[in-house]
Amino acid sequence: MPRQSDFQALFERLKAILEPYAPHLEVKSDQPGEYALYTHHKRPDGYQFAFGSVQVKKNYVSYHLIPLYNHPELLEKISPALRKRMQGKSCFNFKAADPALLEELSQLTQRGFERFKATGWVS
């Protein structure tokens, strides 16, 4: 079973995927074990749209990518291995770092950012 220190290292690698987008978004949380980015665009209920987050949980590290919820067609070409990590419509759970999956997740995050940009939700 992975240790919390393993999860912290994995958290840092997943956080590094989101960090390049921070200049275009709002960092809502940046603390040990939790990092969250939100758009400046408001939903009809007045809340901001989330873009993505990383959280250390008890038995895994979660990576949420909200553009997948709004644009599920982004998932059409993901690998079966990455799809196995999915929990729900826009969350991926990891217990260990797999360089190929992290690279694929990085590319998926880029496509999600571009989609949000095309809709005007990020600048």
C-alpha atoms as a PDB file:
ATOM      1  CA  MET A   1       0.000   0.000   0.000  1.00  0.00           C
ATOM      2  CA  PRO A   2       1.387   3.446  -0.913  1.00  0.00           C
ATOM      3  CA  ARG A   3       2.489   5.730   1.900  1.00  0.00           C
ATOM      4  CA  GLN A   4       1.350   9.323   2.407  1.00  0.00           C
ATOM      5  CA  SER A   5       4.827  10.499   1.357  1.00  0.00           C
ATOM      6  CA  ASP A   6       4.295   8.681  -1.964  1.00  0.00           C
ATOM      7  CA  PHE A   7       0.971  10.469  -2.331  1.00  0.00           C
ATOM      8  CA  GLN A   8       2.606  13.830  -1.623  1.00  0.00           C
ATOM      9  CA  ALA A   9       5.148  13.235  -4.410  1.00  0.00           C
ATOM     10  CA  LEU A  10       2.330  12.205  -6.755  1.00  0.00           C
ATOM     11  CA  PHE A  11       0.340  15.272  -5.710  1.00  0.00           C
ATOM     12  CA  GLU A  12       3.283  17.497  -6.690  1.00  0.00           C
ATOM     13  CA  ARG A  13       3.512  15.869 -10.125  1.00  0.00           C
ATOM     14  CA  LEU A  14      -0.217  16.287 -10.757  1.00  0.00           C
ATOM     15  CA  LYS A  15      -0.162  19.849  -9.437  1.00  0.00           C
ATOM     16  CA  ALA A  16       2.627  20.599 -11.934  1.00  0.00           C
ATOM     17  CA  ILE A  17       0.201  19.723 -14.751  1.00  0.00           C
ATOM     18  CA  LEU A  18      -2.234  22.423 -13.596  1.00  0.00           C
ATOM     19  CA  GLU A  19       0.243  25.135 -12.593  1.00  0.00           C
ATOM     20  CA  PRO A  20       0.987  26.455 -16.115  1.00  0.00           C
ATOM     21  CA  TYR A  21      -2.674  27.515 -16.384  1.00  0.00           C
ATOM     22  CA  ALA A  22      -2.669  29.528 -13.136  1.00  0.00           C
ATOM     23  CA  PRO A  23      -1.824  32.867 -14.835  1.00  0.00           C
ATOM     24  CA  HIS A  24      -5.109  32.612 -16.767  1.00  0.00           C
ATOM     25  CA  LEU A  25      -7.216  31.411 -13.834  1.00  0.00           C
ATOM     26  CA  GLU A  26      -7.712  32.049 -10.129  1.00  0.00           C
ATOM     27  CA  VAL A  27      -5.890  29.895  -7.600  1.00  0.00           C
ATOM     28  CA  LYS A  28      -8.617  29.146  -5.036  1.00  0.00           C
ATOM     29  CA  SER A  29      -6.522  26.780  -2.939  1.00  0.00           C
ATOM     30  CA  ASP A  30      -2.782  26.170  -2.734  1.00  0.00           C
ATOM     31  CA  GLN A  31      -1.960  24.282   0.412  1.00  0.00           C
ATOM     32  CA  PRO A  32      -0.348  20.958   1.258  1.00  0.00           C
ATOM     33  CA  GLY A  33      -2.478  18.251  -0.307  1.00  0.00           C
ATOM     34  CA  GLU A  34      -4.880  20.574  -2.132  1.00  0.00           C
ATOM     35  CA  TYR A  35      -4.586  22.790  -5.220  1.00  0.00           C
ATOM     36  CA  ALA A  36      -7.569  24.248  -7.088  1.00  0.00           C
ATOM     37  CA  LEU A  37      -7.978  26.539 -10.094  1.00  0.00           C
ATOM     38  CA  TYR A  38     -11.177  28.389 -11.014  1.00  0.00           C
ATOM     39  CA  THR A  39     -12.112  30.490 -14.017  1.00  0.00           C
ATOM     40  CA  HIS A  40     -13.096  34.143 -13.675  1.00  0.00           C
ATOM     41  CA  HIS A  41     -16.330  33.326 -15.535  1.00  0.00           C
ATOM     42  CA  LYS A  42     -19.474  33.106 -13.408  1.00  0.00           C
ATOM     43  CA  ARG A  43     -22.145  30.444 -13.707  1.00  0.00           C
ATOM     44  CA  PRO A  44     -25.816  31.522 -13.821  1.00  0.00           C
ATOM     45  CA  ASP A  45     -26.006  30.970 -10.039  1.00  0.00           C
ATOM     46  CA  GLY A  46     -23.166  33.462  -9.477  1.00  0.00           C
ATOM     47  CA  TYR A  47     -20.437  30.967  -8.595  1.00  0.00           C
ATOM     48  CA  GLN A  48     -17.235  30.696 -10.584  1.00  0.00           C
ATOM     49  CA  PHE A  49     -16.621  27.729 -12.869  1.00  0.00           C
ATOM     50  CA  ALA A  50     -13.954  25.397 -11.550  1.00  0.00           C
ATOM     51  CA  PHE A  51     -11.234  24.387 -13.988  1.00  0.00           C
ATOM     52  CA  GLY A  52      -9.296  21.717 -12.133  1.00  0.00           C
ATOM     53  CA  SER A  53      -7.946  20.542  -8.815  1.00  0.00           C
ATOM     54  CA  VAL A  54      -5.664  18.007  -7.173  1.00  0.00           C
ATOM     55  CA  GLN A  55      -6.302  16.560  -3.710  1.00  0.00           C
ATOM     56  CA  VAL A  56      -4.541  14.004  -1.559  1.00  0.00           C
ATOM     57  CA  LYS A  57      -7.111  11.577  -0.185  1.00  0.00           C
ATOM     58  CA  LYS A  58      -6.642   8.692   2.245  1.00  0.00           C
ATOM     59  CA  ASN A  59      -5.953   5.997  -0.376  1.00  0.00           C
ATOM     60  CA  TYR A  60      -5.263   7.934  -3.589  1.00  0.00           C
ATOM     61  CA  VAL A  61      -4.671  11.330  -5.167  1.00  0.00           C
ATOM     62  CA  SER A  62      -7.561  12.782  -7.166  1.00  0.00           C
ATOM     63  CA  TYR A  63      -7.267  15.000 -10.245  1.00  0.00           C
ATOM     64  CA  HIS A  64     -10.426  16.833 -11.263  1.00  0.00           C
ATOM     65  CA  LEU A  65     -10.646  18.326 -14.756  1.00  0.00           C
ATOM     66  CA  ILE A  66     -13.968  20.159 -15.054  1.00  0.00           C
ATOM     67  CA  PRO A  67     -13.833  20.820 -18.823  1.00  0.00           C
ATOM     68  CA  LEU A  68     -14.529  17.081 -19.198  1.00  0.00           C
ATOM     69  CA  TYR A  69     -17.846  17.524 -17.429  1.00  0.00           C
ATOM     70  CA  ASN A  70     -18.855  20.382 -19.728  1.00  0.00           C
ATOM     71  CA  HIS A  71     -17.316  18.873 -22.878  1.00  0.00           C
ATOM     72  CA  PRO A  72     -17.460  15.055 -22.600  1.00  0.00           C
ATOM     73  CA  GLU A  73     -16.325  14.696 -26.214  1.00  0.00           C
ATOM     74  CA  LEU A  74     -12.809  15.409 -24.909  1.00  0.00           C
ATOM     75  CA  LEU A  75     -12.857  11.869 -23.480  1.00  0.00           C
ATOM     76  CA  GLU A  76     -13.472  10.153 -26.814  1.00  0.00           C
ATOM     77  CA  LYS A  77      -9.800   9.462 -27.541  1.00  0.00           C
ATOM     78  CA  ILE A  78      -8.369   8.744 -24.100  1.00  0.00           C
ATOM     79  CA  SER A  79      -6.581   5.464 -23.560  1.00  0.00           C
ATOM     80  CA  PRO A  80      -8.241   2.541 -21.776  1.00  0.00           C
ATOM     81  CA  ALA A  81      -5.559   2.816 -19.077  1.00  0.00           C
ATOM     82  CA  LEU A  82      -6.459   6.432 -18.302  1.00  0.00           C
ATOM     83  CA  ARG A  83     -10.176   5.665 -18.502  1.00  0.00           C
ATOM     84  CA  LYS A  84      -9.663   2.990 -15.803  1.00  0.00           C
ATOM     85  CA  ARG A  85      -8.514   5.774 -13.472  1.00  0.00           C
ATOM     86  CA  MET A  86     -11.775   7.686 -13.935  1.00  0.00           C
ATOM     87  CA  GLN A  87     -14.218   8.166 -11.107  1.00  0.00           C
ATOM     88  CA  GLY A  88     -17.357   9.939 -12.258  1.00  0.00           C
ATOM     89  CA  LYS A  89     -17.384  12.270 -15.251  1.00  0.00           C
ATOM     90  CA  SER A  90     -14.353  14.452 -14.617  1.00  0.00           C
ATOM     91  CA  CYS A  91     -12.146  12.890 -11.932  1.00  0.00           C
ATOM     92  CA  PHE A  92      -9.115  10.620 -12.160  1.00  0.00           C
ATOM     93  CA  ASN A  93      -7.758   8.750  -9.126  1.00  0.00           C
ATOM     94  CA  PHE A  94      -4.113   7.704  -8.896  1.00  0.00           C
ATOM     95  CA  LYS A  95      -2.264   5.563  -6.375  1.00  0.00           C
ATOM     96  CA  ALA A  96       1.076   5.762  -8.192  1.00  0.00           C
ATOM     97  CA  ALA A  97       2.699   7.886 -10.861  1.00  0.00           C
ATOM     98  CA  ASP A  98       2.676   6.404 -14.346  1.00  0.00           C
ATOM     99  CA  PRO A  99       4.678   8.706 -16.647  1.00  0.00           C
ATOM    100  CA  ALA A 100       2.690   7.765 -19.760  1.00  0.00           C
ATOM    101  CA  LEU A 101      -0.644   8.404 -18.038  1.00  0.00           C
ATOM    102  CA  LEU A 102       0.562  11.684 -16.566  1.00  0.00           C
ATOM    103  CA  GLU A 103       1.666  12.825 -20.024  1.00  0.00           C
ATOM    104  CA  GLU A 104      -1.705  11.849 -21.468  1.00  0.00           C
ATOM    105  CA  LEU A 105      -3.448  13.692 -18.629  1.00  0.00           C
ATOM    106  CA  SER A 106      -1.299  16.742 -19.333  1.00  0.00           C
ATOM    107  CA  GLN A 107      -2.361  16.725 -22.989  1.00  0.00           C
ATOM    108  CA  LEU A 108      -6.005  16.240 -21.982  1.00  0.00           C
ATOM    109  CA  THR A 109      -5.716  19.200 -19.609  1.00  0.00           C
ATOM    110  CA  GLN A 110      -4.334  21.324 -22.453  1.00  0.00           C
ATOM    111  CA  ARG A 111      -7.282  20.355 -24.671  1.00  0.00           C
ATOM    112  CA  GLY A 112      -9.684  21.164 -21.831  1.00  0.00           C
ATOM    113  CA  PHE A 113      -8.081  24.561 -21.343  1.00  0.00           C
ATOM    114  CA  GLU A 114      -8.321  25.289 -25.072  1.00  0.00           C
ATOM    115  CA  ARG A 115     -11.998  24.299 -25.031  1.00  0.00           C
ATOM    116  CA  PHE A 116     -12.734  26.588 -22.073  1.00  0.00           C
ATOM    117  CA  LYS A 117     -10.794  29.334 -23.852  1.00  0.00           C
ATOM    118  CA  ALA A 118     -12.880  28.844 -27.023  1.00  0.00           C
ATOM    119  CA  THR A 119     -16.085  29.221 -24.992  1.00  0.00           C
ATOM    120  CA  GLY A 120     -14.775  32.443 -23.439  1.00  0.00           C
ATOM    121  CA  TRP A 121     -14.559  31.031 -19.920  1.00  0.00           C
ATOM    122  CA  VAL A 122     -10.817  31.758 -19.672  1.00  0.00           C
ATOM    123  CA  SER A 123      -8.681  34.444 -21.286  1.00  0.00           C
END
